[in-house]
Amino acid sequence: MKLALAFILAATTAQAVDVPSGQPVELQEVLVDQVSGETWLRFRFVAPQIARDTGSIDAVQAESDMAFLCEAVAAPYITQYDLQGDVIVISMSDKRAEFGAADPEMTQFFELYRLKNNTCIWEGL
């Protein structure tokens, strides 16, 4: 898989976001890349409470938060910056990490969506 990344939002401009579970979530960065001929818009969030050993948010709660993040953060961001993409990836990790870096201690959740009529449609994995 060839990745040509464009950093849209730098980690230094991270933004806190309120989500349904109430956990603290921060937008780390937005990346654009090509996967199998499609443009993927990756919205990477840090959510410390999903940590497998010390967290209080499970995968089911995180799913609701990720759907919310797609609607409340990704969709408006795409409109604001006039981005074109085929797939929206919402990811949460319990700590900051460089994109693509392996860390077996890190907890990560991912959901894929497609934007139709400014609404996020879940693309079940």
PDB file of N, CA and C in Angstrom:
ATOM      1  N   MET A   1       0.846  -1.165   0.000  1.00  0.00           N
ATOM      2  CA  MET A   1       0.000   0.000   0.000  1.00  0.00           C
ATOM      3  C   MET A   1       0.894   1.230   0.000  1.00  0.00           C
ATOM      4  N   LYS A   2       0.707   2.103  -0.966  1.00  0.00           N
ATOM      5  CA  LYS A   2       1.481   3.326  -1.062  1.00  0.00           C
ATOM      6  C   LYS A   2       0.756   4.440  -0.328  1.00  0.00           C
ATOM      7  N   LEU A   3       1.449   5.122   0.555  1.00  0.00           N
ATOM      8  CA  LEU A   3       0.856   6.224   1.306  1.00  0.00           C
ATOM      9  C   LEU A   3       1.528   7.527   0.921  1.00  0.00           C
ATOM     10  N   ALA A   4       0.755   8.456   0.437  1.00  0.00           N
ATOM     11  CA  ALA A   4       1.248   9.811   0.184  1.00  0.00           C
ATOM     12  C   ALA A   4       0.492  10.708   1.142  1.00  0.00           C
ATOM     13  N   LEU A   5       1.125  11.077   2.225  1.00  0.00           N
ATOM     14  CA  LEU A   5       0.445  11.802   3.287  1.00  0.00           C
ATOM     15  C   LEU A   5       0.575  13.305   3.132  1.00  0.00           C
ATOM     16  N   ALA A   6      -0.502  13.977   3.439  1.00  0.00           N
ATOM     17  CA  ALA A   6      -0.496  15.433   3.530  1.00  0.00           C
ATOM     18  C   ALA A   6      -1.017  15.779   4.909  1.00  0.00           C
ATOM     19  N   PHE A   7      -0.239  16.488   5.688  1.00  0.00           N
ATOM     20  CA  PHE A   7      -0.651  16.859   7.028  1.00  0.00           C
ATOM     21  C   PHE A   7      -1.482  18.125   6.947  1.00  0.00           C
ATOM     22  N   ILE A   8      -2.748  18.023   7.308  1.00  0.00           N
ATOM     23  CA  ILE A   8      -3.662  19.143   7.227  1.00  0.00           C
ATOM     24  C   ILE A   8      -3.687  19.927   8.540  1.00  0.00           C
ATOM     25  N   LEU A   9      -3.686  19.218   9.644  1.00  0.00           N
ATOM     26  CA  LEU A   9      -3.735  19.866  10.948  1.00  0.00           C
ATOM     27  C   LEU A   9      -2.577  19.330  11.769  1.00  0.00           C
ATOM     28  N   ALA A  10      -1.683  20.181  12.170  1.00  0.00           N
ATOM     29  CA  ALA A  10      -0.505  19.753  12.919  1.00  0.00           C
ATOM     30  C   ALA A  10      -0.865  19.410  14.359  1.00  0.00           C
ATOM     31  N   ALA A  11      -0.112  18.526  14.941  1.00  0.00           N
ATOM     32  CA  ALA A  11      -0.342  18.115  16.327  1.00  0.00           C
ATOM     33  C   ALA A  11      -0.233  19.286  17.291  1.00  0.00           C
ATOM     34  N   THR A  12       0.501  20.294  16.937  1.00  0.00           N
ATOM     35  CA  THR A  12       0.670  21.436  17.840  1.00  0.00           C
ATOM     36  C   THR A  12      -0.588  22.289  17.954  1.00  0.00           C
ATOM     37  N   THR A  13      -1.561  22.053  17.068  1.00  0.00           N
ATOM     38  CA  THR A  13      -2.799  22.819  17.129  1.00  0.00           C
ATOM     39  C   THR A  13      -3.961  21.930  17.572  1.00  0.00           C
ATOM     40  N   ALA A  14      -3.669  20.952  18.414  1.00  0.00           N
ATOM     41  CA  ALA A  14      -4.675  20.001  18.870  1.00  0.00           C
ATOM     42  C   ALA A  14      -5.869  20.723  19.492  1.00  0.00           C
ATOM     43  N   GLN A  15      -7.046  20.122  19.312  1.00  0.00           N
ATOM     44  CA  GLN A  15      -8.282  20.717  19.798  1.00  0.00           C
ATOM     45  C   GLN A  15      -9.025  19.704  20.663  1.00  0.00           C
ATOM     46  N   ALA A  16      -9.521  20.151  21.815  1.00  0.00           N
ATOM     47  CA  ALA A  16     -10.332  19.295  22.675  1.00  0.00           C
ATOM     48  C   ALA A  16     -11.745  19.227  22.109  1.00  0.00           C
ATOM     49  N   VAL A  17     -12.380  18.072  22.256  1.00  0.00           N
ATOM     50  CA  VAL A  17     -13.724  17.861  21.724  1.00  0.00           C
ATOM     51  C   VAL A  17     -14.568  17.187  22.798  1.00  0.00           C
ATOM     52  N   ASP A  18     -15.797  17.659  22.991  1.00  0.00           N
ATOM     53  CA  ASP A  18     -16.742  17.012  23.907  1.00  0.00           C
ATOM     54  C   ASP A  18     -17.457  15.904  23.151  1.00  0.00           C
ATOM     55  N   VAL A  19     -17.488  14.694  23.718  1.00  0.00           N
ATOM     56  CA  VAL A  19     -18.136  13.544  23.081  1.00  0.00           C
ATOM     57  C   VAL A  19     -19.209  12.966  24.010  1.00  0.00           C
ATOM     58  N   PRO A  20     -20.121  12.143  23.479  1.00  0.00           N
ATOM     59  CA  PRO A  20     -21.226  11.614  24.287  1.00  0.00           C
ATOM     60  C   PRO A  20     -20.814  10.880  25.559  1.00  0.00           C
ATOM     61  N   SER A  21     -19.705  10.148  25.541  1.00  0.00           N
ATOM     62  CA  SER A  21     -19.290   9.390  26.726  1.00  0.00           C
ATOM     63  C   SER A  21     -18.762  10.302  27.831  1.00  0.00           C
ATOM     64  N   GLY A  22     -18.405  11.516  27.486  1.00  0.00           N
ATOM     65  CA  GLY A  22     -17.838  12.439  28.461  1.00  0.00           C
ATOM     66  C   GLY A  22     -16.335  12.317  28.633  1.00  0.00           C
ATOM     67  N   GLN A  23     -15.719  11.363  27.951  1.00  0.00           N
ATOM     68  CA  GLN A  23     -14.270  11.212  28.070  1.00  0.00           C
ATOM     69  C   GLN A  23     -13.556  12.392  27.412  1.00  0.00           C
ATOM     70  N   PRO A  24     -12.369  12.722  27.885  1.00  0.00           N
ATOM     71  CA  PRO A  24     -11.612  13.783  27.226  1.00  0.00           C
ATOM     72  C   PRO A  24     -11.035  13.262  25.909  1.00  0.00           C
ATOM     73  N   VAL A  25     -11.307  13.971  24.822  1.00  0.00           N
ATOM     74  CA  VAL A  25     -10.830  13.586  23.492  1.00  0.00           C
ATOM     75  C   VAL A  25     -10.237  14.823  22.839  1.00  0.00           C
ATOM     76  N   GLU A  26      -9.096  14.622  22.196  1.00  0.00           N
ATOM     77  CA  GLU A  26      -8.398  15.736  21.554  1.00  0.00           C
ATOM     78  C   GLU A  26      -8.047  15.346  20.121  1.00  0.00           C
ATOM     79  N   LEU A  27      -8.351  16.236  19.197  1.00  0.00           N
ATOM     80  CA  LEU A  27      -7.960  16.010  17.807  1.00  0.00           C
ATOM     81  C   LEU A  27      -6.456  16.211  17.691  1.00  0.00           C
ATOM     82  N   GLN A  28      -5.752  15.146  17.316  1.00  0.00           N
ATOM     83  CA  GLN A  28      -4.297  15.216  17.189  1.00  0.00           C
ATOM     84  C   GLN A  28      -3.904  15.761  15.825  1.00  0.00           C
ATOM     85  N   GLU A  29      -4.505  15.206  14.760  1.00  0.00           N
ATOM     86  CA  GLU A  29      -4.145  15.643  13.414  1.00  0.00           C
ATOM     87  C   GLU A  29      -5.138  15.079  12.410  1.00  0.00           C
ATOM     88  N   VAL A  30      -5.098  15.669  11.227  1.00  0.00           N
ATOM     89  CA  VAL A  30      -5.884  15.182  10.099  1.00  0.00           C
ATOM     90  C   VAL A  30      -4.896  14.886   8.983  1.00  0.00           C
ATOM     91  N   LEU A  31      -5.016  13.705   8.409  1.00  0.00           N
ATOM     92  CA  LEU A  31      -4.109  13.280   7.339  1.00  0.00           C
ATOM     93  C   LEU A  31      -4.924  12.936   6.101  1.00  0.00           C
ATOM     94  N   VAL A  32      -4.336  13.141   4.939  1.00  0.00           N
ATOM     95  CA  VAL A  32      -4.950  12.761   3.679  1.00  0.00           C
ATOM     96  C   VAL A  32      -3.985  11.808   2.986  1.00  0.00           C
ATOM     97  N   ASP A  33      -4.494  10.655   2.545  1.00  0.00           N
ATOM     98  CA  ASP A  33      -3.624   9.746   1.798  1.00  0.00           C
ATOM     99  C   ASP A  33      -4.443   8.926   0.824  1.00  0.00           C
ATOM    100  N   GLN A  34      -3.749   8.212  -0.037  1.00  0.00           N
ATOM    101  CA  GLN A  34      -4.371   7.368  -1.054  1.00  0.00           C
ATOM    102  C   GLN A  34      -4.229   5.907  -0.639  1.00  0.00           C
ATOM    103  N   VAL A  35      -5.351   5.188  -0.665  1.00  0.00           N
ATOM    104  CA  VAL A  35      -5.359   3.759  -0.362  1.00  0.00           C
ATOM    105  C   VAL A  35      -6.183   3.076  -1.453  1.00  0.00           C
ATOM    106  N   SER A  36      -5.553   2.198  -2.198  1.00  0.00           N
ATOM    107  CA  SER A  36      -6.230   1.446  -3.263  1.00  0.00           C
ATOM    108  C   SER A  36      -7.041   2.354  -4.186  1.00  0.00           C
ATOM    109  N   GLY A  37      -6.458   3.469  -4.576  1.00  0.00           N
ATOM    110  CA  GLY A  37      -7.101   4.370  -5.520  1.00  0.00           C
ATOM    111  C   GLY A  37      -8.156   5.292  -4.931  1.00  0.00           C
ATOM    112  N   GLU A  38      -8.358   5.247  -3.617  1.00  0.00           N
ATOM    113  CA  GLU A  38      -9.328   6.123  -2.962  1.00  0.00           C
ATOM    114  C   GLU A  38      -8.593   7.110  -2.059  1.00  0.00           C
ATOM    115  N   THR A  39      -9.189   8.280  -1.884  1.00  0.00           N
ATOM    116  CA  THR A  39      -8.634   9.269  -0.964  1.00  0.00           C
ATOM    117  C   THR A  39      -9.232   9.040   0.408  1.00  0.00           C
ATOM    118  N   TRP A  40      -8.360   8.826   1.383  1.00  0.00           N
ATOM    119  CA  TRP A  40      -8.784   8.618   2.767  1.00  0.00           C
ATOM    120  C   TRP A  40      -8.445   9.868   3.568  1.00  0.00           C
ATOM    121  N   LEU A  41      -9.424  10.339   4.317  1.00  0.00           N
ATOM    122  CA  LEU A  41      -9.245  11.469   5.222  1.00  0.00           C
ATOM    123  C   LEU A  41      -9.213  10.897   6.628  1.00  0.00           C
ATOM    124  N   ARG A  42      -8.074  10.974   7.269  1.00  0.00           N
ATOM    125  CA  ARG A  42      -7.871  10.354   8.582  1.00  0.00           C
ATOM    126  C   ARG A  42      -7.920  11.416   9.683  1.00  0.00           C
ATOM    127  N   PHE A  43      -8.879  11.274  10.570  1.00  0.00           N
ATOM    128  CA  PHE A  43      -9.014  12.159  11.715  1.00  0.00           C
ATOM    129  C   PHE A  43      -8.531  11.371  12.925  1.00  0.00           C
ATOM    130  N   ARG A  44      -7.372  11.759  13.455  1.00  0.00           N
ATOM    131  CA  ARG A  44      -6.725  11.023  14.536  1.00  0.00           C
ATOM    132  C   ARG A  44      -6.947  11.744  15.859  1.00  0.00           C
ATOM    133  N   PHE A  45      -7.576  11.040  16.791  1.00  0.00           N
ATOM    134  CA  PHE A  45      -7.896  11.596  18.100  1.00  0.00           C
ATOM    135  C   PHE A  45      -7.139  10.861  19.190  1.00  0.00           C
ATOM    136  N   VAL A  46      -6.807  11.583  20.264  1.00  0.00           N
ATOM    137  CA  VAL A  46      -6.212  10.997  21.454  1.00  0.00           C
ATOM    138  C   VAL A  46      -7.316  10.944  22.511  1.00  0.00           C
ATOM    139  N   ALA A  47      -7.519   9.751  23.067  1.00  0.00           N
ATOM    140  CA  ALA A  47      -8.567   9.519  24.059  1.00  0.00           C
ATOM    141  C   ALA A  47      -7.995   8.622  25.162  1.00  0.00           C
ATOM    142  N   PRO A  48      -7.338   9.206  26.170  1.00  0.00           N
ATOM    143  CA  PRO A  48      -6.639   8.426  27.191  1.00  0.00           C
ATOM    144  C   PRO A  48      -7.520   7.406  27.932  1.00  0.00           C
ATOM    145  N   GLN A  49      -8.808   7.645  28.011  1.00  0.00           N
ATOM    146  CA  GLN A  49      -9.662   6.739  28.780  1.00  0.00           C
ATOM    147  C   GLN A  49     -10.023   5.444  28.056  1.00  0.00           C
ATOM    148  N   ILE A  50      -9.485   5.235  26.849  1.00  0.00           N
ATOM    149  CA  ILE A  50      -9.698   3.943  26.194  1.00  0.00           C
ATOM    150  C   ILE A  50      -8.566   2.962  26.506  1.00  0.00           C
ATOM    151  N   ALA A  51      -7.589   3.382  27.282  1.00  0.00           N
ATOM    152  CA  ALA A  51      -6.452   2.513  27.617  1.00  0.00           C
ATOM    153  C   ALA A  51      -6.953   1.194  28.197  1.00  0.00           C
ATOM    154  N   ARG A  52      -6.428   0.105  27.694  1.00  0.00           N
ATOM    155  CA  ARG A  52      -6.954  -1.217  28.084  1.00  0.00           C
ATOM    156  C   ARG A  52      -6.785  -1.545  29.554  1.00  0.00           C
ATOM    157  N   ASP A  53      -5.732  -1.072  30.203  1.00  0.00           N
ATOM    158  CA  ASP A  53      -5.507  -1.417  31.606  1.00  0.00           C
ATOM    159  C   ASP A  53      -6.037  -0.378  32.591  1.00  0.00           C
ATOM    160  N   THR A  54      -6.048   0.876  32.196  1.00  0.00           N
ATOM    161  CA  THR A  54      -6.429   1.927  33.134  1.00  0.00           C
ATOM    162  C   THR A  54      -7.621   2.757  32.685  1.00  0.00           C
ATOM    163  N   GLY A  55      -8.163   2.491  31.505  1.00  0.00           N
ATOM    164  CA  GLY A  55      -9.253   3.297  30.959  1.00  0.00           C
ATOM    165  C   GLY A  55     -10.619   2.916  31.492  1.00  0.00           C
ATOM    166  N   SER A  56     -11.574   3.803  31.259  1.00  0.00           N
ATOM    167  CA  SER A  56     -12.940   3.571  31.707  1.00  0.00           C
ATOM    168  C   SER A  56     -13.934   3.535  30.544  1.00  0.00           C
ATOM    169  N   ILE A  57     -13.438   3.661  29.305  1.00  0.00           N
ATOM    170  CA  ILE A  57     -14.294   3.663  28.119  1.00  0.00           C
ATOM    171  C   ILE A  57     -14.007   2.401  27.309  1.00  0.00           C
ATOM    172  N   ASP A  58     -15.073   1.618  27.069  1.00  0.00           N
ATOM    173  CA  ASP A  58     -14.895   0.379  26.300  1.00  0.00           C
ATOM    174  C   ASP A  58     -15.153   0.637  24.814  1.00  0.00           C
ATOM    175  N   ALA A  59     -14.988  -0.396  24.005  1.00  0.00           N
ATOM    176  CA  ALA A  59     -15.119  -0.268  22.553  1.00  0.00           C
ATOM    177  C   ALA A  59     -16.525   0.159  22.141  1.00  0.00           C
ATOM    178  N   VAL A  60     -17.551  -0.308  22.826  1.00  0.00           N
ATOM    179  CA  VAL A  60     -18.928   0.057  22.485  1.00  0.00           C
ATOM    180  C   VAL A  60     -19.158   1.553  22.709  1.00  0.00           C
ATOM    181  N   GLN A  61     -18.703   2.063  23.841  1.00  0.00           N
ATOM    182  CA  GLN A  61     -18.827   3.501  24.107  1.00  0.00           C
ATOM    183  C   GLN A  61     -18.009   4.303  23.099  1.00  0.00           C
ATOM    184  N   ALA A  62     -16.845   3.807  22.764  1.00  0.00           N
ATOM    185  CA  ALA A  62     -15.982   4.501  21.807  1.00  0.00           C
ATOM    186  C   ALA A  62     -16.629   4.551  20.424  1.00  0.00           C
ATOM    187  N   GLU A  63     -17.382   3.521  20.045  1.00  0.00           N
ATOM    188  CA  GLU A  63     -18.081   3.522  18.750  1.00  0.00           C
ATOM    189  C   GLU A  63     -19.026   4.708  18.654  1.00  0.00           C
ATOM    190  N   SER A  64     -19.794   4.952  19.706  1.00  0.00           N
ATOM    191  CA  SER A  64     -20.716   6.094  19.710  1.00  0.00           C
ATOM    192  C   SER A  64     -19.954   7.405  19.627  1.00  0.00           C
ATOM    193  N   ASP A  65     -18.850   7.486  20.337  1.00  0.00           N
ATOM    194  CA  ASP A  65     -18.036   8.695  20.296  1.00  0.00           C
ATOM    195  C   ASP A  65     -17.470   8.922  18.894  1.00  0.00           C
ATOM    196  N   MET A  66     -17.029   7.848  18.234  1.00  0.00           N
ATOM    197  CA  MET A  66     -16.443   7.992  16.903  1.00  0.00           C
ATOM    198  C   MET A  66     -17.496   8.424  15.877  1.00  0.00           C
ATOM    199  N   ALA A  67     -18.707   7.880  15.985  1.00  0.00           N
ATOM    200  CA  ALA A  67     -19.787   8.323  15.093  1.00  0.00           C
ATOM    201  C   ALA A  67     -20.060   9.807  15.309  1.00  0.00           C
ATOM    202  N   PHE A  68     -20.090  10.226  16.558  1.00  0.00           N
ATOM    203  CA  PHE A  68     -20.294  11.630  16.885  1.00  0.00           C
ATOM    204  C   PHE A  68     -19.161  12.490  16.309  1.00  0.00           C
ATOM    205  N   LEU A  69     -17.923  12.036  16.454  1.00  0.00           N
ATOM    206  CA  LEU A  69     -16.773  12.785  15.952  1.00  0.00           C
ATOM    207  C   LEU A  69     -16.824  12.937  14.436  1.00  0.00           C
ATOM    208  N   CYS A  70     -17.313  11.926  13.752  1.00  0.00           N
ATOM    209  CA  CYS A  70     -17.442  12.029  12.299  1.00  0.00           C
ATOM    210  C   CYS A  70     -18.433  13.136  11.945  1.00  0.00           C
ATOM    211  N   GLU A  71     -19.587  13.125  12.599  1.00  0.00           N
ATOM    212  CA  GLU A  71     -20.636  14.116  12.313  1.00  0.00           C
ATOM    213  C   GLU A  71     -20.258  15.522  12.785  1.00  0.00           C
ATOM    214  N   ALA A  72     -19.729  15.625  13.999  1.00  0.00           N
ATOM    215  CA  ALA A  72     -19.525  16.934  14.627  1.00  0.00           C
ATOM    216  C   ALA A  72     -18.174  17.574  14.324  1.00  0.00           C
ATOM    217  N   VAL A  73     -17.170  16.760  13.966  1.00  0.00           N
ATOM    218  CA  VAL A  73     -15.841  17.300  13.715  1.00  0.00           C
ATOM    219  C   VAL A  73     -15.431  17.097  12.251  1.00  0.00           C
ATOM    220  N   ALA A  74     -15.435  15.852  11.790  1.00  0.00           N
ATOM    221  CA  ALA A  74     -14.927  15.560  10.449  1.00  0.00           C
ATOM    222  C   ALA A  74     -15.760  16.213   9.344  1.00  0.00           C
ATOM    223  N   ALA A  75     -17.067  16.048   9.376  1.00  0.00           N
ATOM    224  CA  ALA A  75     -17.909  16.598   8.300  1.00  0.00           C
ATOM    225  C   ALA A  75     -17.761  18.117   8.186  1.00  0.00           C
ATOM    226  N   PRO A  76     -17.851  18.868   9.293  1.00  0.00           N
ATOM    227  CA  PRO A  76     -17.648  20.316   9.161  1.00  0.00           C
ATOM    228  C   PRO A  76     -16.227  20.687   8.724  1.00  0.00           C
ATOM    229  N   TYR A  77     -15.238  19.942   9.181  1.00  0.00           N
ATOM    230  CA  TYR A  77     -13.844  20.203   8.806  1.00  0.00           C
ATOM    231  C   TYR A  77     -13.667  20.030   7.299  1.00  0.00           C
ATOM    232  N   ILE A  78     -14.246  18.957   6.762  1.00  0.00           N
ATOM    233  CA  ILE A  78     -14.154  18.674   5.324  1.00  0.00           C
ATOM    234  C   ILE A  78     -14.778  19.813   4.529  1.00  0.00           C
ATOM    235  N   THR A  79     -15.914  20.307   4.990  1.00  0.00           N
ATOM    236  CA  THR A  79     -16.568  21.433   4.325  1.00  0.00           C
ATOM    237  C   THR A  79     -15.730  22.697   4.448  1.00  0.00           C
ATOM    238  N   GLN A  80     -15.253  22.988   5.661  1.00  0.00           N
ATOM    239  CA  GLN A  80     -14.485  24.207   5.904  1.00  0.00           C
ATOM    240  C   GLN A  80     -13.233  24.281   5.035  1.00  0.00           C
ATOM    241  N   TYR A  81     -12.536  23.157   4.885  1.00  0.00           N
ATOM    242  CA  TYR A  81     -11.285  23.145   4.141  1.00  0.00           C
ATOM    243  C   TYR A  81     -11.450  22.633   2.711  1.00  0.00           C
ATOM    244  N   ASP A  82     -12.705  22.453   2.289  1.00  0.00           N
ATOM    245  CA  ASP A  82     -13.031  22.022   0.929  1.00  0.00           C
ATOM    246  C   ASP A  82     -12.233  20.777   0.523  1.00  0.00           C
ATOM    247  N   LEU A  83     -12.201  19.799   1.411  1.00  0.00           N
ATOM    248  CA  LEU A  83     -11.489  18.547   1.140  1.00  0.00           C
ATOM    249  C   LEU A  83     -12.374  17.605   0.333  1.00  0.00           C
ATOM    250  N   GLN A  84     -11.738  16.808  -0.475  1.00  0.00           N
ATOM    251  CA  GLN A  84     -12.430  15.773  -1.237  1.00  0.00           C
ATOM    252  C   GLN A  84     -11.867  14.430  -0.776  1.00  0.00           C
ATOM    253  N   GLY A  85     -12.747  13.520  -0.413  1.00  0.00           N
ATOM    254  CA  GLY A  85     -12.284  12.210   0.030  1.00  0.00           C
ATOM    255  C   GLY A  85     -13.348  11.167  -0.173  1.00  0.00           C
ATOM    256  N   ASP A  86     -12.914   9.926  -0.264  1.00  0.00           N
ATOM    257  CA  ASP A  86     -13.829   8.808  -0.433  1.00  0.00           C
ATOM    258  C   ASP A  86     -14.179   8.162   0.899  1.00  0.00           C
ATOM    259  N   VAL A  87     -13.194   8.079   1.791  1.00  0.00           N
ATOM    260  CA  VAL A  87     -13.372   7.398   3.072  1.00  0.00           C
ATOM    261  C   VAL A  87     -12.912   8.334   4.185  1.00  0.00           C
ATOM    262  N   ILE A  88     -13.691   8.368   5.259  1.00  0.00           N
ATOM    263  CA  ILE A  88     -13.296   9.101   6.462  1.00  0.00           C
ATOM    264  C   ILE A  88     -12.929   8.052   7.499  1.00  0.00           C
ATOM    265  N   VAL A  89     -11.746   8.156   8.049  1.00  0.00           N
ATOM    266  CA  VAL A  89     -11.310   7.259   9.111  1.00  0.00           C
ATOM    267  C   VAL A  89     -11.287   8.067  10.407  1.00  0.00           C
ATOM    268  N   ILE A  90     -12.034   7.601  11.390  1.00  0.00           N
ATOM    269  CA  ILE A  90     -11.972   8.184  12.725  1.00  0.00           C
ATOM    270  C   ILE A  90     -11.194   7.189  13.569  1.00  0.00           C
ATOM    271  N   SER A  91     -10.090   7.636  14.133  1.00  0.00           N
ATOM    272  CA  SER A  91      -9.309   6.749  14.992  1.00  0.00           C
ATOM    273  C   SER A  91      -9.119   7.402  16.350  1.00  0.00           C
ATOM    274  N   MET A  92      -9.068   6.541  17.354  1.00  0.00           N
ATOM    275  CA  MET A  92      -8.787   6.969  18.726  1.00  0.00           C
ATOM    276  C   MET A  92      -7.640   6.124  19.230  1.00  0.00           C
ATOM    277  N   SER A  93      -6.714   6.774  19.900  1.00  0.00           N
ATOM    278  CA  SER A  93      -5.660   6.022  20.582  1.00  0.00           C
ATOM    279  C   SER A  93      -5.528   6.597  21.980  1.00  0.00           C
ATOM    280  N   ASP A  94      -5.028   5.776  22.882  1.00  0.00           N
ATOM    281  CA  ASP A  94      -4.945   6.234  24.276  1.00  0.00           C
ATOM    282  C   ASP A  94      -3.775   7.168  24.529  1.00  0.00           C
ATOM    283  N   LYS A  95      -2.899   7.320  23.516  1.00  0.00           N
ATOM    284  CA  LYS A  95      -1.777   8.256  23.648  1.00  0.00           C
ATOM    285  C   LYS A  95      -1.354   8.699  22.250  1.00  0.00           C
ATOM    286  N   ARG A  96      -0.613   9.782  22.221  1.00  0.00           N
ATOM    287  CA  ARG A  96      -0.107  10.295  20.946  1.00  0.00           C
ATOM    288  C   ARG A  96       0.904   9.314  20.357  1.00  0.00           C
ATOM    289  N   ALA A  97       0.838   9.180  19.052  1.00  0.00           N
ATOM    290  CA  ALA A  97       1.800   8.331  18.355  1.00  0.00           C
ATOM    291  C   ALA A  97       1.939   8.837  16.927  1.00  0.00           C
ATOM    292  N   GLU A  98       3.102   8.632  16.373  1.00  0.00           N
ATOM    293  CA  GLU A  98       3.320   8.971  14.980  1.00  0.00           C
ATOM    294  C   GLU A  98       2.478   8.036  14.121  1.00  0.00           C
ATOM    295  N   PHE A  99       1.901   8.545  13.049  1.00  0.00           N
ATOM    296  CA  PHE A  99       1.084   7.730  12.165  1.00  0.00           C
ATOM    297  C   PHE A  99       1.894   6.555  11.624  1.00  0.00           C
ATOM    298  N   GLY A 100       1.346   5.363  11.728  1.00  0.00           N
ATOM    299  CA  GLY A 100       1.985   4.160  11.211  1.00  0.00           C
ATOM    300  C   GLY A 100       2.979   3.510  12.151  1.00  0.00           C
ATOM    301  N   ALA A 101       3.304   4.150  13.261  1.00  0.00           N
ATOM    302  CA  ALA A 101       4.269   3.581  14.212  1.00  0.00           C
ATOM    303  C   ALA A 101       3.598   2.487  15.035  1.00  0.00           C
ATOM    304  N   ALA A 102       4.243   1.362  15.155  1.00  0.00           N
ATOM    305  CA  ALA A 102       3.714   0.244  15.939  1.00  0.00           C
ATOM    306  C   ALA A 102       4.046   0.443  17.416  1.00  0.00           C
ATOM    307  N   ASP A 103       3.046   0.227  18.260  1.00  0.00           N
ATOM    308  CA  ASP A 103       3.237   0.303  19.707  1.00  0.00           C
ATOM    309  C   ASP A 103       2.281  -0.709  20.337  1.00  0.00           C
ATOM    310  N   PRO A 104       2.782  -1.902  20.703  1.00  0.00           N
ATOM    311  CA  PRO A 104       1.906  -2.949  21.226  1.00  0.00           C
ATOM    312  C   PRO A 104       1.229  -2.579  22.547  1.00  0.00           C
ATOM    313  N   GLU A 105       1.723  -1.571  23.224  1.00  0.00           N
ATOM    314  CA  GLU A 105       1.124  -1.149  24.488  1.00  0.00           C
ATOM    315  C   GLU A 105      -0.047  -0.176  24.287  1.00  0.00           C
ATOM    316  N   MET A 106      -0.166   0.360  23.092  1.00  0.00           N
ATOM    317  CA  MET A 106      -1.176   1.378  22.816  1.00  0.00           C
ATOM    318  C   MET A 106      -2.510   0.728  22.453  1.00  0.00           C
ATOM    319  N   THR A 107      -3.594   1.325  22.951  1.00  0.00           N
ATOM    320  CA  THR A 107      -4.934   0.908  22.567  1.00  0.00           C
ATOM    321  C   THR A 107      -5.401   1.835  21.456  1.00  0.00           C
ATOM    322  N   GLN A 108      -5.950   1.256  20.381  1.00  0.00           N
ATOM    323  CA  GLN A 108      -6.464   2.036  19.264  1.00  0.00           C
ATOM    324  C   GLN A 108      -7.790   1.457  18.800  1.00  0.00           C
ATOM    325  N   PHE A 109      -8.699   2.352  18.431  1.00  0.00           N
ATOM    326  CA  PHE A 109      -9.965   1.971  17.805  1.00  0.00           C
ATOM    327  C   PHE A 109     -10.088   2.745  16.503  1.00  0.00           C
ATOM    328  N   PHE A 110     -10.690   2.105  15.492  1.00  0.00           N
ATOM    329  CA  PHE A 110     -10.873   2.730  14.182  1.00  0.00           C
ATOM    330  C   PHE A 110     -12.285   2.465  13.685  1.00  0.00           C
ATOM    331  N   GLU A 111     -12.850   3.443  13.020  1.00  0.00           N
ATOM    332  CA  GLU A 111     -14.113   3.261  12.297  1.00  0.00           C
ATOM    333  C   GLU A 111     -13.991   3.985  10.969  1.00  0.00           C
ATOM    334  N   LEU A 112     -14.604   3.412   9.929  1.00  0.00           N
ATOM    335  CA  LEU A 112     -14.599   4.008   8.602  1.00  0.00           C
ATOM    336  C   LEU A 112     -16.002   4.465   8.241  1.00  0.00           C
ATOM    337  N   TYR A 113     -16.067   5.613   7.569  1.00  0.00           N
ATOM    338  CA  TYR A 113     -17.336   6.203   7.166  1.00  0.00           C
ATOM    339  C   TYR A 113     -17.203   6.738   5.747  1.00  0.00           C
ATOM    340  N   ARG A 114     -18.344   6.909   5.105  1.00  0.00           N
ATOM    341  CA  ARG A 114     -18.423   7.643   3.845  1.00  0.00           C
ATOM    342  C   ARG A 114     -19.377   8.796   4.085  1.00  0.00           C
ATOM    343  N   LEU A 115     -19.059   9.937   3.500  1.00  0.00           N
ATOM    344  CA  LEU A 115     -19.888  11.118   3.674  1.00  0.00           C
ATOM    345  C   LEU A 115     -20.880  11.197   2.518  1.00  0.00           C
ATOM    346  N   LYS A 116     -22.169  11.169   2.855  1.00  0.00           N
ATOM    347  CA  LYS A 116     -23.234  11.290   1.854  1.00  0.00           C
ATOM    348  C   LYS A 116     -24.206  12.344   2.340  1.00  0.00           C
ATOM    349  N   ASN A 117     -24.421  13.377   1.518  1.00  0.00           N
ATOM    350  CA  ASN A 117     -25.303  14.485   1.879  1.00  0.00           C
ATOM    351  C   ASN A 117     -24.946  15.064   3.251  1.00  0.00           C
ATOM    352  N   ASN A 118     -23.667  15.213   3.479  1.00  0.00           N
ATOM    353  CA  ASN A 118     -23.135  15.781   4.725  1.00  0.00           C
ATOM    354  C   ASN A 118     -23.468  14.944   5.972  1.00  0.00           C
ATOM    355  N   THR A 119     -23.722  13.656   5.757  1.00  0.00           N
ATOM    356  CA  THR A 119     -24.000  12.719   6.850  1.00  0.00           C
ATOM    357  C   THR A 119     -22.992  11.588   6.782  1.00  0.00           C
ATOM    358  N   CYS A 120     -22.462  11.191   7.931  1.00  0.00           N
ATOM    359  CA  CYS A 120     -21.497  10.096   7.992  1.00  0.00           C
ATOM    360  C   CYS A 120     -22.235   8.755   7.972  1.00  0.00           C
ATOM    361  N   ILE A 121     -21.890   7.932   7.005  1.00  0.00           N
ATOM    362  CA  ILE A 121     -22.456   6.589   6.863  1.00  0.00           C
ATOM    363  C   ILE A 121     -21.373   5.591   7.258  1.00  0.00           C
ATOM    364  N   TRP A 122     -21.661   4.792   8.285  1.00  0.00           N
ATOM    365  CA  TRP A 122     -20.692   3.830   8.799  1.00  0.00           C
ATOM    366  C   TRP A 122     -20.387   2.758   7.752  1.00  0.00           C
ATOM    367  N   GLU A 123     -19.121   2.444   7.577  1.00  0.00           N
ATOM    368  CA  GLU A 123     -18.645   1.399   6.667  1.00  0.00           C
ATOM    369  C   GLU A 123     -18.147   0.241   7.519  1.00  0.00           C
ATOM    370  N   GLY A 124     -19.027  -0.580   8.015  1.00  0.00           N
ATOM    371  CA  GLY A 124     -18.654  -1.682   8.893  1.00  0.00           C
ATOM    372  C   GLY A 124     -17.486  -2.484   8.353  1.00  0.00           C
ATOM    373  N   LEU A 125     -16.549  -2.782   9.230  1.00  0.00           N
ATOM    374  CA  LEU A 125     -15.351  -3.529   8.813  1.00  0.00           C
ATOM    375  C   LEU A 125     -15.619  -5.004   8.750  1.00  0.00           C
TER     376      LEU A 125
END
